[in-house]
Amino acid sequence: MLNNKSLSCPPLLTLNKFKKLCNVDGIQVLDTRSCDEFLEGFVPNSININFEGPFDHFLTQVFPAKDQKFLLITDSENNQAVIDYLIKLEYTHIVGVLEGGIETWKSKEMVASLSTITAREFNKKSVQGHIVDVRTGKEFKSGHIDNAMNIPLTDLINFGSMLRKDDQQLYIYCQSGYRSTVALSILSAKGFKNICNIQGGYKALKIEEKENQ
């Protein structure tokens, strides 16, 4: 059994050790940096749940099993806070933390990145592809943009969706941008390539709509 001290002090991993563990079945890279930072560059197949937000709510949705094994990439200033909170939530299988965070990975490895577009840029597009609203069904019914399909985040996690890995561009939005980045990271880890985040989500889209009236 691990004692409390060892639980709260998972090892800082070198890049080589971290890379090896990334390829072990059952271990998930969890990136807790901000949504914008994640979209700009991340370790391939990692899942983003921003610590500066409703972290516990979406962590338990995406990873309901408390025995999930994690490799962590965090902002250095809140590294220990993330670890402590995971343990508080009973996620105690923290395999390790990449020493130096994403900058260590970037020093020798390629990062993946995901596209993002402003609400204004999106509205100017003549061909918009498929639009996916990852809010809840209740939120969707209260208002959504034209031609959007509703696939709540929980459905994306379980992959009970109609999405196909083809050349059709997917534009993803939520209410303000937090959930859409979680969704994008999940889709990216599942092999989707043509996916794009709409910055600011439905709030930004509605503001843009009003300004154009």
Protein backbone atom coordinates (compact mmCIF):
# COMPACT_ATOMS: atom_id res chain seq x y z
CA MET A 1 0.00 0.00 0.00
CA LEU A 2 1.20 3.52 -0.76
CA ASN A 3 1.41 5.89 2.17
CA ASN A 4 0.02 9.43 2.05
CA LYS A 5 3.42 10.95 1.37
CA SER A 6 4.10 8.78 -1.67
CA LEU A 7 0.60 9.43 -2.99
CA SER A 8 1.12 13.20 -2.83
CA CYS A 9 4.59 13.04 -4.39
CA PRO A 10 4.41 11.11 -7.66
CA PRO A 11 7.76 11.05 -9.44
CA LEU A 12 8.98 13.79 -11.74
CA LEU A 13 9.78 11.96 -14.96
CA THR A 14 12.48 12.56 -17.53
CA LEU A 15 11.38 12.89 -21.12
CA ASN A 16 12.59 9.39 -22.01
CA LYS A 17 10.77 7.76 -19.10
CA PHE A 18 7.61 9.77 -19.81
CA LYS A 19 7.68 8.73 -23.49
CA LYS A 20 7.98 5.06 -22.61
CA LEU A 21 5.05 5.24 -20.22
CA CYS A 22 2.92 7.06 -22.84
CA ASN A 23 2.91 3.83 -24.82
CA VAL A 24 1.73 1.62 -21.96
CA ASP A 25 -1.86 0.43 -22.27
CA GLY A 26 -4.18 1.86 -19.63
CA ILE A 27 -2.11 4.98 -18.94
CA GLN A 28 -3.61 8.30 -20.04
CA VAL A 29 -1.76 11.59 -20.46
CA LEU A 30 -3.83 14.28 -18.73
CA ASP A 31 -2.98 17.87 -19.62
CA THR A 32 -4.40 20.39 -17.14
CA ARG A 33 -3.15 23.58 -18.81
CA SER A 34 -5.47 26.26 -20.14
CA CYS A 35 -7.59 25.54 -23.20
CA ASP A 36 -5.72 28.04 -25.38
CA GLU A 37 -2.30 26.69 -24.38
CA PHE A 38 -3.40 23.14 -25.07
CA LEU A 39 -4.78 23.90 -28.53
CA GLU A 40 -1.47 25.53 -29.51
CA GLY A 41 0.57 22.42 -28.74
CA PHE A 42 0.20 19.19 -26.78
CA VAL A 43 1.52 15.66 -26.42
CA PRO A 44 -0.28 13.50 -29.00
CA ASN A 45 -3.28 11.56 -27.61
CA SER A 46 -3.42 13.57 -24.40
CA ILE A 47 -6.73 14.74 -22.95
CA ASN A 48 -7.16 18.34 -21.82
CA ILE A 49 -9.19 19.22 -18.74
CA ASN A 50 -8.27 22.73 -17.66
CA PHE A 51 -7.54 22.92 -13.94
CA GLU A 52 -8.69 26.56 -13.86
CA GLY A 53 -12.34 25.71 -14.38
CA PRO A 54 -14.99 23.11 -13.45
CA PHE A 55 -12.17 20.55 -13.30
CA ASP A 56 -13.77 18.03 -10.95
CA HIS A 57 -17.08 17.97 -12.84
CA PHE A 58 -15.58 17.15 -16.21
CA LEU A 59 -12.80 14.94 -14.88
CA THR A 60 -15.37 12.59 -13.38
CA GLN A 61 -17.39 12.65 -16.61
CA VAL A 62 -14.44 11.83 -18.84
CA PHE A 63 -12.80 9.40 -16.41
CA PRO A 64 -15.48 7.84 -14.19
CA ALA A 65 -13.17 5.01 -13.08
CA LYS A 66 -11.15 6.13 -10.07
CA ASP A 67 -8.43 3.59 -10.85
CA GLN A 68 -7.50 5.37 -14.09
CA LYS A 69 -3.72 5.75 -14.37
CA PHE A 70 -2.49 9.23 -15.28
CA LEU A 71 0.65 10.83 -16.60
CA LEU A 72 0.41 14.56 -15.91
CA ILE A 73 1.37 17.69 -17.81
CA THR A 74 0.66 20.79 -15.78
CA ASP A 75 1.61 24.42 -15.41
CA SER A 76 4.57 24.45 -13.04
CA GLU A 77 2.91 26.91 -10.65
CA ASN A 78 -0.06 24.64 -9.92
CA ASN A 79 1.61 21.26 -10.29
CA GLN A 80 1.18 20.27 -6.63
CA ALA A 81 -2.33 21.71 -6.48
CA VAL A 82 -3.37 19.45 -9.37
CA ILE A 83 -1.86 16.40 -7.68
CA ASP A 84 -3.48 17.20 -4.34
CA TYR A 85 -6.87 17.73 -5.96
CA LEU A 86 -6.70 14.50 -7.93
CA ILE A 87 -5.95 12.63 -4.73
CA LYS A 88 -8.80 14.44 -2.96
CA LEU A 89 -11.10 13.21 -5.74
CA GLU A 90 -9.70 9.68 -5.12
CA TYR A 91 -7.71 9.47 -8.36
CA THR A 92 -4.64 8.05 -6.70
CA HIS A 93 -3.03 6.22 -9.63
CA ILE A 94 -0.76 9.06 -10.72
CA VAL A 95 2.14 7.41 -12.50
CA GLY A 96 4.22 10.56 -12.75
CA VAL A 97 4.59 14.15 -13.91
CA LEU A 98 6.69 15.30 -16.87
CA GLU A 99 9.49 17.38 -15.38
CA GLY A 100 9.48 20.80 -17.02
CA GLY A 101 6.03 20.22 -18.52
CA ILE A 102 5.25 20.78 -22.18
CA GLU A 103 8.47 22.74 -22.75
CA THR A 104 10.44 19.58 -21.97
CA TRP A 105 8.43 17.68 -24.57
CA LYS A 106 8.85 20.46 -27.15
CA SER A 107 12.62 20.47 -26.67
CA LYS A 108 12.98 17.13 -28.48
CA GLU A 109 9.56 15.93 -29.63
CA MET A 110 6.89 17.14 -32.02
CA VAL A 111 3.68 18.46 -30.52
CA ALA A 112 0.21 18.04 -31.93
CA SER A 113 -2.02 21.10 -32.32
CA LEU A 114 -5.64 21.84 -33.11
CA SER A 115 -7.26 24.59 -35.14
CA THR A 116 -9.31 27.34 -33.58
CA ILE A 117 -11.46 30.01 -35.21
CA THR A 118 -13.24 33.11 -33.93
CA ALA A 119 -17.00 33.43 -34.12
CA ARG A 120 -16.58 36.22 -36.67
CA GLU A 121 -14.29 34.14 -38.88
CA PHE A 122 -16.68 31.23 -38.65
CA ASN A 123 -19.68 33.30 -39.72
CA LYS A 124 -17.78 34.57 -42.77
CA LYS A 125 -17.20 31.05 -44.09
CA SER A 126 -19.34 30.11 -47.08
CA VAL A 127 -18.81 26.37 -46.51
CA GLN A 128 -18.84 25.54 -42.83
CA GLY A 129 -18.74 21.75 -42.74
CA HIS A 130 -20.43 19.90 -39.89
CA ILE A 131 -21.17 21.90 -36.74
CA VAL A 132 -21.19 20.00 -33.46
CA ASP A 133 -22.69 21.42 -30.26
CA VAL A 134 -21.31 19.50 -27.26
CA ARG A 135 -23.56 21.12 -24.66
CA THR A 136 -26.31 19.22 -22.89
CA GLY A 137 -29.59 18.49 -24.63
CA LYS A 138 -31.31 21.02 -22.39
CA GLU A 139 -28.85 23.76 -23.34
CA PHE A 140 -29.21 22.88 -27.00
CA LYS A 141 -33.00 23.11 -26.87
CA SER A 142 -32.78 26.55 -25.26
CA GLY A 143 -30.91 27.85 -28.31
CA HIS A 144 -28.31 26.80 -30.86
CA ILE A 145 -26.85 27.91 -34.16
CA ASP A 146 -28.40 26.83 -37.45
CA ASN A 147 -27.48 23.38 -38.79
CA ALA A 148 -25.70 22.33 -35.60
CA MET A 149 -26.01 18.73 -34.43
CA ASN A 150 -26.14 18.12 -30.70
CA ILE A 151 -23.70 15.51 -29.39
CA PRO A 152 -23.25 16.14 -25.66
CA LEU A 153 -19.76 15.72 -24.29
CA THR A 154 -20.77 12.60 -22.39
CA ASP A 155 -21.86 10.98 -25.66
CA LEU A 156 -18.55 11.86 -27.30
CA ILE A 157 -16.73 10.18 -24.41
CA ASN A 158 -18.72 6.99 -24.94
CA PHE A 159 -18.42 7.51 -28.69
CA GLY A 160 -22.13 6.99 -29.17
CA SER A 161 -22.15 9.51 -32.01
CA MET A 162 -22.75 9.83 -35.74
CA LEU A 163 -19.34 11.33 -36.45
CA ARG A 164 -17.13 9.76 -39.10
CA LYS A 165 -13.41 10.10 -39.68
CA ASP A 166 -13.64 11.50 -43.19
CA ASP A 167 -12.46 14.69 -44.88
CA GLN A 168 -15.45 16.72 -43.72
CA GLN A 169 -14.44 19.58 -41.42
CA LEU A 170 -15.96 19.47 -37.93
CA TYR A 171 -16.51 22.72 -36.02
CA ILE A 172 -16.99 22.17 -32.30
CA TYR A 173 -18.56 24.58 -29.84
CA CYS A 174 -19.96 24.57 -26.31
CA GLN A 175 -21.19 27.44 -24.15
CA SER A 176 -17.95 29.33 -23.67
CA GLY A 177 -15.02 27.17 -24.83
CA TYR A 178 -14.11 24.86 -21.93
CA ARG A 179 -16.05 21.76 -22.96
CA SER A 180 -15.24 22.15 -26.65
CA THR A 181 -11.52 21.86 -25.90
CA VAL A 182 -12.16 18.72 -23.85
CA ALA A 183 -14.18 17.38 -26.78
CA LEU A 184 -11.49 18.28 -29.31
CA SER A 185 -8.83 16.49 -27.28
CA ILE A 186 -11.03 13.38 -27.07
CA LEU A 187 -11.72 13.40 -30.81
CA SER A 188 -8.05 13.99 -31.59
CA ALA A 189 -7.07 11.03 -29.40
CA LYS A 190 -9.63 8.94 -31.33
CA GLY A 191 -7.95 9.79 -34.61
CA PHE A 192 -10.02 12.70 -35.94
CA LYS A 193 -7.95 15.17 -37.97
CA ASN A 194 -10.29 17.81 -39.42
CA ILE A 195 -11.58 19.35 -36.23
CA CYS A 196 -11.70 23.01 -35.21
CA ASN A 197 -12.69 24.88 -32.06
CA ILE A 198 -15.01 27.90 -32.21
CA GLN A 199 -13.55 30.37 -29.71
CA GLY A 200 -15.91 31.58 -27.02
CA GLY A 201 -18.57 29.03 -27.96
CA TYR A 202 -22.26 29.79 -28.20
CA LYS A 203 -21.87 33.02 -26.22
CA ALA A 204 -19.48 34.45 -28.80
CA LEU A 205 -21.60 33.20 -31.70
CA LYS A 206 -24.71 34.91 -30.30
CA ILE A 207 -22.83 38.18 -29.76
CA GLU A 208 -21.60 38.03 -33.36
CA GLU A 209 -25.13 37.32 -34.57
CA LYS A 210 -26.52 40.38 -32.74
CA GLU A 211 -23.78 42.63 -34.10
CA ASN A 212 -24.66 41.58 -37.67
CA GLN A 213 -28.38 42.23 -37.31
